[in-house]
Amino acid sequence: MLSKLDVVAAIATAPGRGGIGVIRLSGKDLSSFLLPLFGQKLIPRHATYVPFKSAEGVVLDYGIGLYFPGPHSYTGEDVIELQGHGGTAVLGLILQRCFSLGARPAEAGEFTQRAFLNNKLDLVQAESVIDLINATTEQGVRSAMRSLQGDFSQAIHRLLAQLIELRMQIEASLDFPEEEIPAQNLARQENKLNSIKFELDRIFDLAKQGGILREGAHVVLVGRPNVGKSSLLNRLSGEEVALVSEVAGTTRDAIRQAINIDGVPFHIIDTAGLRESQDVVEKMGMERTKQAIDNADLVLLLEDAIKKDDSATEKILEQIPGAIPRLHVINKIDLVGMAAHEETKDEIDYIYVSAKTEEGINLLKAKLLKMLGWHGESGAFMARARHLESLNKAKVCLARTSVNAATMELLAEDLRLSQVALSEITGRFTSDDLLGEIFSRFCIGK
């Protein structure tokens, strides 16, 4: 893909009013924009207090003008930034002035797309820009920043270099089939292949941890009415987000609350109690409960430590798809004098808590992290589904390989396929359709 030659402009700050508003322009040559906009030339990479002028020379605003001649800029092209007051009307007037000078509205993610196309960022780094913006936890910010700084990309490049070196050796062996391959060469190649597999497993594990940080987990609370789902939601979130009442059926609709546990985001969904009911509104709530269950990453099935009802529990279990992990949470242990603990019976996990006294809540949080697959790896990369898919493709290809003189052709092909899969991560081999999909998810002005 070739970088576009036209000039684009957009408001780079969030919509609405604010103390400061930023407008950004990018193009191959923006020197002709300086005098019309500011009435003077700007020193490259120096902040200058200037007026922002209309076509008639009327001052629209005063602010900071910045000029970054390419290639030493975010996009690799000339970039101008106008930092003024953050009112919607004044920013709109200045943006229209930029359009009148020949700029066009930037598309979603176009500034970062140009940075990618001009080799300022690879595809992983470009994606990490939006991940950094969207991060909701400190762990998420650190993980996204590692990817933006190139840690993930460098790990992939190192692995690719090893793959390419091994491919060269294998291909050389295939080019001279009449020469017998010494046993020590085969042994060295086998060791290198095992080293590549080990490193790929390590990167895959770090990427999975980063995927958890990026996506979080959707956890749905289900159970009969009055087992303490809303109380548990309040305890997990640390605030009174759900109405708690002894009246059965108080929760009529799903209540969603975002929380984080040790820096990992969770989306907790409190649902209407599942039971037989003739109440039309309550039945609608239970239907939404079933929809939430279908989209859950994990289901917490709450039961009452005093009023256990195995038949009702079985009916609820029948409504949970078998592929969705579930955890039985036995609530109200404070009323039966039981200590918080967890146990496994008949391959079913149980945890005993009191939402009222908070006993066992930390135990439950640790269990949630464990079931999600989080183990607190500090070097996690902010990975997306496509990254994990490509890594898994490479793992599958390498899993069926071994260094054997009789199967060198198959080994060479699997190494090639692994290389292609890994190269898709950084954008070395990436279709234009995928690029369009990725950058369309960015905000305007980034």
Protein backbone atom coordinates (compact mmCIF):
# COMPACT_ATOMS: atom_id res chain seq x y z
CA MET A 1 0.00 0.00 0.00
CA LEU A 2 1.21 3.49 -0.84
CA SER A 3 0.80 6.40 1.55
CA LYS A 4 -1.89 8.88 0.53
CA LEU A 5 -0.73 12.21 -0.88
CA ASP A 6 -3.59 14.43 0.30
CA VAL A 7 -3.73 16.49 3.49
CA VAL A 8 -6.05 15.38 6.30
CA ALA A 9 -7.26 17.30 9.34
CA ALA A 10 -9.27 16.39 12.43
CA ILE A 11 -9.94 17.38 16.01
CA ALA A 12 -7.67 15.11 18.07
CA THR A 13 -9.22 15.75 21.50
CA ALA A 14 -12.36 14.13 22.85
CA PRO A 15 -15.76 15.50 21.77
CA GLY A 16 -17.34 18.16 23.97
CA ARG A 17 -16.04 21.17 25.84
CA GLY A 18 -12.66 21.24 27.56
CA GLY A 19 -9.88 23.54 28.66
CA ILE A 20 -7.77 22.63 25.64
CA GLY A 21 -8.67 21.45 22.15
CA VAL A 22 -6.22 20.06 19.60
CA ILE A 23 -6.53 20.02 15.82
CA ARG A 24 -4.07 17.93 13.85
CA LEU A 25 -3.11 18.06 10.16
CA SER A 26 -0.91 15.62 8.25
CA GLY A 27 0.32 15.60 4.66
CA LYS A 28 3.39 15.43 2.44
CA ASP A 29 4.05 19.19 2.49
CA LEU A 30 2.28 21.53 4.90
CA SER A 31 4.60 24.54 4.58
CA SER A 32 1.93 26.37 2.56
CA PHE A 33 -0.51 26.11 5.50
CA LEU A 34 1.68 28.00 7.98
CA LEU A 35 1.25 31.61 6.83
CA PRO A 36 -2.54 31.38 6.18
CA LEU A 37 -3.17 29.74 9.57
CA PHE A 38 -0.73 31.63 11.80
CA GLY A 39 0.44 34.64 9.81
CA GLN A 40 4.05 33.55 10.27
CA LYS A 41 6.44 30.66 9.78
CA LEU A 42 7.03 28.29 12.69
CA ILE A 43 10.32 26.92 13.97
CA PRO A 44 10.13 23.14 13.54
CA ARG A 45 9.44 21.24 16.78
CA HIS A 46 9.12 24.43 18.84
CA ALA A 47 5.92 25.50 20.58
CA THR A 48 4.94 29.03 19.43
CA TYR A 49 2.15 31.18 20.82
CA VAL A 50 0.26 32.38 17.73
CA PRO A 51 -3.17 33.53 16.54
CA PHE A 52 -5.31 31.14 14.51
CA LYS A 53 -6.64 33.19 11.62
CA SER A 54 -9.65 33.03 9.28
CA ALA A 55 -9.43 33.61 5.52
CA GLU A 56 -10.19 37.31 6.15
CA GLY A 57 -7.38 37.59 8.71
CA VAL A 58 -9.77 37.62 11.67
CA VAL A 59 -8.33 35.95 14.78
CA LEU A 60 -10.44 32.90 15.62
CA ASP A 61 -8.43 31.94 18.70
CA TYR A 62 -5.01 32.20 20.30
CA GLY A 63 -3.01 29.12 21.16
CA ILE A 64 0.08 27.01 20.57
CA GLY A 65 1.21 26.17 17.03
CA LEU A 66 3.52 23.20 16.42
CA TYR A 67 5.14 22.17 13.15
CA PHE A 68 6.81 18.78 12.68
CA PRO A 69 8.36 18.38 9.21
CA GLY A 70 8.40 14.80 8.00
CA PRO A 71 9.78 12.24 8.39
CA HIS A 72 10.39 13.25 12.01
CA SER A 73 6.75 13.20 13.07
CA TYR A 74 4.08 10.80 14.31
CA THR A 75 2.82 9.99 10.81
CA GLY A 76 6.15 10.29 8.99
CA GLU A 77 4.66 13.21 7.00
CA ASP A 78 4.53 16.92 7.80
CA VAL A 79 2.32 17.42 10.85
CA ILE A 80 0.81 20.64 12.21
CA GLU A 81 -0.93 20.82 15.58
CA LEU A 82 -3.07 23.74 16.74
CA GLN A 83 -3.63 23.70 20.49
CA GLY A 84 -6.30 26.18 21.48
CA HIS A 85 -9.37 26.46 23.67
CA GLY A 86 -11.58 23.40 23.81
CA GLY A 87 -14.94 24.86 22.84
CA THR A 88 -16.90 22.97 20.20
CA ALA A 89 -17.74 26.11 18.20
CA VAL A 90 -14.23 27.56 18.07
CA LEU A 91 -12.68 24.20 17.19
CA GLY A 92 -15.27 23.79 14.44
CA LEU A 93 -14.36 27.20 12.96
CA ILE A 94 -10.64 26.42 12.97
CA LEU A 95 -11.22 22.99 11.45
CA GLN A 96 -13.32 24.52 8.67
CA ARG A 97 -10.45 26.96 8.02
CA CYS A 98 -8.12 23.98 7.54
CA PHE A 99 -10.60 22.46 5.08
CA SER A 100 -10.77 25.73 3.14
CA LEU A 101 -7.00 25.56 2.68
CA GLY A 102 -7.24 22.17 0.99
CA ALA A 103 -7.33 19.62 3.79
CA ARG A 104 -10.04 16.95 3.93
CA PRO A 105 -11.60 15.31 7.01
CA ALA A 106 -9.45 12.48 8.32
CA GLU A 107 -10.98 9.03 8.45
CA ALA A 108 -11.06 6.99 11.67
CA GLY A 109 -7.52 5.98 12.59
CA GLU A 110 -6.00 7.60 9.50
CA PHE A 111 -3.16 9.36 11.32
CA THR A 112 -1.99 6.09 12.86
CA GLN A 113 -2.58 4.28 9.57
CA ARG A 114 -0.25 6.75 7.84
CA ALA A 115 2.32 6.16 10.59
CA PHE A 116 2.09 2.43 9.80
CA LEU A 117 2.27 2.92 6.03
CA ASN A 118 5.30 5.21 6.45
CA ASN A 119 7.09 2.63 8.65
CA LYS A 120 6.91 4.72 11.82
CA LEU A 121 5.01 1.92 13.57
CA ASP A 122 4.41 -1.72 12.79
CA LEU A 123 0.91 -3.14 13.00
CA VAL A 124 1.23 -4.35 16.60
CA GLN A 125 2.41 -0.91 17.73
CA ALA A 126 -0.37 0.79 15.77
CA GLU A 127 -3.00 -1.38 17.45
CA SER A 128 -1.48 -0.74 20.87
CA VAL A 129 -2.20 3.00 20.44
CA ILE A 130 -5.96 2.39 20.69
CA ASP A 131 -5.38 -0.22 23.41
CA LEU A 132 -3.52 2.39 25.46
CA ILE A 133 -6.39 4.84 25.00
CA ASN A 134 -8.98 2.23 25.98
CA ALA A 135 -7.07 0.70 28.90
CA THR A 136 -9.12 0.74 32.10
CA THR A 137 -6.53 -0.56 34.58
CA GLU A 138 -2.93 0.20 35.51
CA GLN A 139 -1.89 -3.27 34.36
CA GLY A 140 -3.60 -2.66 31.03
CA VAL A 141 -1.79 0.64 30.53
CA ARG A 142 1.60 -0.98 31.23
CA SER A 143 0.89 -3.87 28.90
CA ALA A 144 -0.27 -1.56 26.08
CA MET A 145 2.80 0.64 26.55
CA ARG A 146 5.10 -2.38 26.29
CA SER A 147 3.51 -3.22 22.95
CA LEU A 148 3.69 0.42 21.80
CA GLN A 149 7.40 0.54 22.68
CA GLY A 150 7.92 -2.53 20.52
CA ASP A 151 8.45 -5.32 23.08
CA PHE A 152 5.87 -7.60 21.44
CA SER A 153 7.15 -6.83 17.93
CA GLN A 154 10.76 -7.43 18.93
CA ALA A 155 9.86 -10.81 20.42
CA ILE A 156 8.15 -11.77 17.16
CA HIS A 157 11.08 -10.50 15.07
CA ARG A 158 13.58 -12.50 17.15
CA LEU A 159 11.48 -15.62 16.71
CA LEU A 160 11.17 -14.99 12.97
CA ALA A 161 14.95 -14.61 12.69
CA GLN A 162 15.42 -18.04 14.28
CA LEU A 163 12.79 -19.55 11.99
CA ILE A 164 14.41 -18.05 8.90
CA GLU A 165 17.85 -19.30 9.92
CA LEU A 166 16.52 -22.84 10.40
CA ARG A 167 14.62 -22.63 7.11
CA MET A 168 17.82 -21.67 5.32
CA GLN A 169 19.57 -24.73 6.72
CA ILE A 170 16.71 -27.05 5.80
CA GLU A 171 16.34 -25.56 2.31
CA ALA A 172 20.08 -25.94 1.76
CA SER A 173 19.80 -29.62 2.65
CA LEU A 174 16.98 -30.02 0.12
CA ASP A 175 19.03 -28.30 -2.59
CA PHE A 176 21.73 -30.99 -2.33
CA PRO A 177 19.81 -34.25 -1.79
CA GLU A 178 22.74 -36.38 -2.95
CA GLU A 179 24.80 -35.32 0.05
CA GLU A 180 24.10 -37.18 3.27
CA ILE A 181 23.31 -34.91 6.20
CA PRO A 182 25.69 -35.53 9.13
CA ALA A 183 24.00 -36.73 12.31
CA GLN A 184 25.43 -33.84 14.32
CA ASN A 185 23.81 -31.35 11.89
CA LEU A 186 20.44 -33.03 12.37
CA ALA A 187 20.91 -32.87 16.13
CA ARG A 188 21.76 -29.15 16.01
CA GLN A 189 18.72 -28.47 13.84
CA GLU A 190 16.49 -30.44 16.21
CA ASN A 191 17.80 -28.42 19.15
CA LYS A 192 17.12 -25.17 17.30
CA LEU A 193 13.61 -26.33 16.43
CA ASN A 194 12.92 -27.20 20.08
CA SER A 195 14.25 -23.79 21.12
CA ILE A 196 11.88 -22.10 18.65
CA LYS A 197 8.94 -24.11 19.97
CA PHE A 198 9.81 -23.19 23.57
CA GLU A 199 10.08 -19.48 22.74
CA LEU A 200 6.80 -19.56 20.81
CA ASP A 201 5.05 -21.14 23.81
CA ARG A 202 6.46 -18.39 26.06
CA ILE A 203 5.29 -15.61 23.73
CA PHE A 204 1.87 -17.24 23.36
CA ASP A 205 1.47 -17.37 27.14
CA LEU A 206 2.44 -13.69 27.49
CA ALA A 207 0.04 -12.77 24.70
CA LYS A 208 -2.81 -14.68 26.37
CA GLN A 209 -2.18 -12.74 29.57
CA GLY A 210 -2.28 -9.49 27.60
CA GLY A 211 -5.49 -10.61 25.92
CA ILE A 212 -7.03 -11.04 29.35
CA LEU A 213 -5.97 -7.50 30.28
CA ARG A 214 -7.41 -6.10 27.07
CA GLU A 215 -10.72 -7.94 26.94
CA GLY A 216 -11.35 -8.71 30.60
CA ALA A 217 -14.02 -11.29 31.37
CA HIS A 218 -17.80 -11.24 31.39
CA VAL A 219 -18.95 -12.89 34.61
CA VAL A 220 -22.67 -13.54 35.03
CA LEU A 221 -24.28 -14.03 38.45
CA VAL A 222 -27.21 -16.48 38.32
CA GLY A 223 -29.35 -18.23 40.88
CA ARG A 224 -32.75 -18.33 42.49
CA PRO A 225 -34.23 -15.07 43.82
CA ASN A 226 -32.88 -13.91 47.20
CA VAL A 227 -29.69 -15.98 47.21
CA GLY A 228 -27.62 -12.76 47.41
CA LYS A 229 -26.60 -11.99 43.82
CA SER A 230 -27.04 -8.23 44.21
CA SER A 231 -25.23 -8.25 47.56
CA LEU A 232 -22.33 -10.12 46.01
CA LEU A 233 -22.17 -7.64 43.11
CA ASN A 234 -22.00 -4.79 45.62
CA ARG A 235 -19.18 -6.50 47.53
CA LEU A 236 -17.16 -7.23 44.41
CA SER A 237 -17.55 -3.68 43.09
CA GLY A 238 -17.00 -2.00 46.44
CA GLU A 239 -20.10 0.19 46.11
CA GLU A 240 -23.87 -0.09 46.29
CA VAL A 241 -24.63 -0.48 42.59
CA ALA A 242 -27.54 -2.90 42.97
CA LEU A 243 -30.69 -2.61 45.06
CA VAL A 244 -30.78 -5.21 47.82
CA SER A 245 -34.12 -6.33 49.23
CA GLU A 246 -35.62 -9.36 50.94
CA VAL A 247 -38.49 -9.18 48.43
CA ALA A 248 -38.01 -11.89 45.81
CA GLY A 249 -37.73 -10.66 42.23
CA THR A 250 -36.36 -7.20 43.10
CA THR A 251 -33.83 -7.39 40.25
CA ARG A 252 -35.86 -7.26 37.03
CA ASP A 253 -33.12 -6.45 34.53
CA ALA A 254 -29.42 -7.16 34.16
CA ILE A 255 -27.16 -4.77 36.10
CA ARG A 256 -23.65 -4.45 34.68
CA GLN A 257 -20.67 -3.21 36.64
CA ALA A 258 -17.03 -2.97 35.54
CA ILE A 259 -14.51 -3.83 38.25
CA ASN A 260 -10.86 -4.76 38.32
CA ILE A 261 -9.17 -7.42 40.42
CA ASP A 262 -5.40 -7.07 40.74
CA GLY A 263 -5.44 -4.88 37.63
CA VAL A 264 -7.50 -7.31 35.53
CA PRO A 265 -10.84 -5.95 34.22
CA PHE A 266 -14.04 -7.87 34.88
CA HIS A 267 -17.56 -7.10 33.70
CA ILE A 268 -19.88 -8.41 36.39
CA ILE A 269 -23.52 -8.88 35.39
CA ASP A 270 -26.18 -9.29 38.08
CA THR A 271 -29.26 -10.93 36.59
CA ALA A 272 -32.87 -11.54 37.47
CA GLY A 273 -33.42 -14.62 39.62
CA LEU A 274 -34.41 -17.72 37.68
CA ARG A 275 -37.69 -19.28 38.82
CA GLU A 276 -41.21 -19.97 37.63
CA SER A 277 -43.17 -16.71 37.44
CA GLN A 278 -46.30 -15.30 35.84
CA ASP A 279 -45.10 -11.71 36.18
CA VAL A 280 -44.61 -10.39 32.64
CA VAL A 281 -41.81 -7.97 33.57
CA GLU A 282 -39.99 -10.58 35.65
CA LYS A 283 -40.23 -13.09 32.79
CA MET A 284 -38.66 -10.50 30.46
CA GLY A 285 -35.83 -10.08 32.96
CA MET A 286 -35.26 -13.83 33.09
CA GLU A 287 -35.11 -13.96 29.30
CA ARG A 288 -32.34 -11.37 29.40
CA THR A 289 -30.62 -13.47 32.04
CA LYS A 290 -30.52 -16.37 29.58
CA GLN A 291 -29.05 -14.10 26.89
CA ALA A 292 -26.35 -12.92 29.31
CA ILE A 293 -25.48 -16.52 30.17
CA ASP A 294 -25.00 -17.38 26.49
CA ASN A 295 -22.42 -14.57 26.15
CA ALA A 296 -20.62 -15.21 29.45
CA ASP A 297 -16.97 -16.17 29.90
CA LEU A 298 -17.77 -17.48 33.36
CA VAL A 299 -20.98 -18.15 35.31
CA LEU A 300 -21.23 -17.85 39.09
CA LEU A 301 -24.12 -19.98 40.29
CA LEU A 302 -25.17 -18.64 43.69
CA GLU A 303 -26.82 -20.91 46.24
CA ASP A 304 -28.14 -20.26 49.73
CA ALA A 305 -26.22 -22.03 52.51
CA ILE A 306 -29.47 -22.31 54.52
CA LYS A 307 -32.18 -22.85 51.92
CA LYS A 308 -30.49 -25.20 49.49
CA ASP A 309 -32.71 -26.41 46.66
CA ASP A 310 -30.95 -29.03 44.55
CA SER A 311 -33.83 -29.39 42.10
CA ALA A 312 -33.89 -25.65 41.41
CA THR A 313 -30.11 -25.67 41.00
CA GLU A 314 -30.35 -28.49 38.47
CA LYS A 315 -32.91 -26.54 36.44
CA ILE A 316 -30.59 -23.53 36.36
CA LEU A 317 -27.62 -25.69 35.35
CA GLU A 318 -29.64 -27.00 32.42
CA GLN A 319 -29.81 -23.43 31.07
CA ILE A 320 -26.02 -22.94 31.12
CA PRO A 321 -24.25 -24.12 27.94
CA GLY A 322 -21.83 -26.91 28.74
CA ALA A 323 -18.83 -25.11 27.25
CA ILE A 324 -19.11 -22.17 29.67
CA PRO A 325 -17.11 -22.58 32.91
CA ARG A 326 -19.15 -22.26 36.06
CA LEU A 327 -18.40 -21.88 39.76
CA HIS A 328 -20.85 -22.75 42.54
CA VAL A 329 -20.83 -19.97 45.14
CA ILE A 330 -22.46 -20.91 48.43
CA ASN A 331 -23.54 -17.64 50.08
CA LYS A 332 -24.71 -16.70 53.62
CA ILE A 333 -22.21 -18.91 55.46
CA ASP A 334 -22.34 -16.40 58.33
CA LEU A 335 -25.83 -17.71 59.15
CA VAL A 336 -24.66 -21.30 59.60
CA GLY A 337 -21.37 -20.63 61.37
CA MET A 338 -19.24 -21.91 58.51
CA ALA A 339 -15.77 -20.62 57.59
CA ALA A 340 -14.98 -19.42 54.09
CA HIS A 341 -13.28 -22.05 51.99
CA GLU A 342 -13.23 -23.68 48.58
CA GLU A 343 -13.52 -27.31 47.61
CA THR A 344 -13.99 -29.60 44.63
CA LYS A 345 -16.54 -32.41 44.72
CA ASP A 346 -17.21 -34.71 41.77
CA GLU A 347 -15.13 -32.36 39.58
CA ILE A 348 -17.39 -29.42 40.52
CA ASP A 349 -15.82 -26.32 42.10
CA TYR A 350 -17.49 -24.79 45.15
CA ILE A 351 -16.55 -21.68 47.12
CA TYR A 352 -18.21 -20.66 50.40
CA VAL A 353 -18.62 -16.94 51.15
CA SER A 354 -20.70 -14.35 52.96
CA ALA A 355 -21.63 -11.33 50.86
CA LYS A 356 -22.93 -9.69 54.02
CA THR A 357 -19.74 -9.91 56.11
CA GLU A 358 -17.29 -10.04 53.15
CA GLU A 359 -15.85 -13.30 54.47
CA GLY A 360 -14.43 -15.27 51.55
CA ILE A 361 -14.67 -12.39 49.03
CA ASN A 362 -10.89 -12.23 48.56
CA LEU A 363 -10.89 -15.99 48.15
CA LEU A 364 -13.53 -15.63 45.45
CA LYS A 365 -11.56 -12.91 43.66
CA ALA A 366 -8.46 -15.12 43.59
CA LYS A 367 -10.56 -17.98 42.23
CA LEU A 368 -11.95 -15.76 39.46
CA LEU A 369 -8.43 -14.82 38.37
CA LYS A 370 -7.39 -18.46 38.41
CA MET A 371 -10.38 -19.60 36.36
CA LEU A 372 -9.74 -16.81 33.87
CA GLY A 373 -6.18 -18.06 33.42
CA TRP A 374 -4.42 -15.05 34.92
CA HIS A 375 -1.14 -15.70 36.72
CA GLY A 376 0.16 -12.15 37.07
CA GLU A 377 2.88 -12.23 34.42
CA SER A 378 4.55 -8.82 34.51
CA GLY A 379 5.78 -8.96 30.91
CA ALA A 380 2.41 -9.52 29.26
CA PHE A 381 1.83 -8.08 25.79
CA MET A 382 -1.46 -6.35 24.96
CA ALA A 383 -2.67 -8.98 22.48
CA ARG A 384 -5.75 -9.13 20.31
CA ALA A 385 -7.72 -12.10 19.04
CA ARG A 386 -5.94 -11.96 15.67
CA HIS A 387 -2.53 -12.08 17.40
CA LEU A 388 -3.50 -15.16 19.37
CA GLU A 389 -4.93 -16.78 16.24
CA SER A 390 -1.69 -16.22 14.31
CA LEU A 391 0.43 -17.48 17.21
CA ASN A 392 -1.76 -20.55 17.47
CA LYS A 393 -1.41 -21.20 13.72
CA ALA A 394 2.35 -21.15 14.12
CA LYS A 395 2.13 -23.45 17.16
CA VAL A 396 0.02 -25.95 15.23
CA CYS A 397 2.49 -25.98 12.33
CA LEU A 398 5.51 -26.42 14.58
CA ALA A 399 3.81 -29.06 16.72
CA ARG A 400 3.82 -31.51 13.83
CA THR A 401 7.47 -30.94 12.92
CA SER A 402 10.62 -32.86 13.73
CA VAL A 403 14.05 -32.88 12.13
CA ASN A 404 14.18 -36.07 10.13
CA ALA A 405 16.13 -36.60 6.92
CA ALA A 406 13.17 -38.45 5.41
CA THR A 407 10.67 -35.63 5.99
CA MET A 408 12.71 -32.50 5.24
CA GLU A 409 10.21 -31.30 2.62
CA LEU A 410 7.36 -31.39 5.14
CA LEU A 411 9.50 -29.66 7.76
CA ALA A 412 10.43 -26.89 5.32
CA GLU A 413 6.78 -26.27 4.44
CA ASP A 414 5.67 -26.15 8.08
CA LEU A 415 8.46 -23.71 8.87
CA ARG A 416 7.34 -21.52 5.97
CA LEU A 417 3.71 -21.56 7.13
CA SER A 418 4.81 -20.68 10.66
CA GLN A 419 6.82 -17.76 9.31
CA VAL A 420 3.84 -16.45 7.34
CA ALA A 421 1.54 -16.73 10.39
CA LEU A 422 3.95 -14.81 12.62
CA SER A 423 4.60 -12.16 9.96
CA GLU A 424 0.87 -11.40 9.87
CA ILE A 425 1.12 -10.14 13.47
CA THR A 426 3.45 -7.23 12.71
CA GLY A 427 1.94 -6.54 9.29
CA ARG A 428 4.76 -7.90 7.14
CA PHE A 429 2.19 -10.03 5.29
CA THR A 430 -1.24 -8.47 5.86
CA SER A 431 -4.17 -7.98 3.50
CA ASP A 432 -5.56 -4.51 2.79
CA ASP A 433 -8.97 -5.70 4.03
CA LEU A 434 -7.51 -6.49 7.45
CA LEU A 435 -5.79 -3.10 7.62
CA GLY A 436 -9.06 -1.35 6.85
CA GLU A 437 -10.85 -3.31 9.57
CA ILE A 438 -8.16 -2.55 12.15
CA PHE A 439 -7.87 1.20 11.61
CA SER A 440 -11.64 1.75 11.23
CA ARG A 441 -11.97 1.01 14.97
CA PHE A 442 -9.82 4.01 15.91
CA CYS A 443 -11.27 7.36 16.87
CA ILE A 444 -11.20 10.28 14.44
CA GLY A 445 -8.03 12.32 14.91
CA LYS A 446 -5.80 9.40 15.91
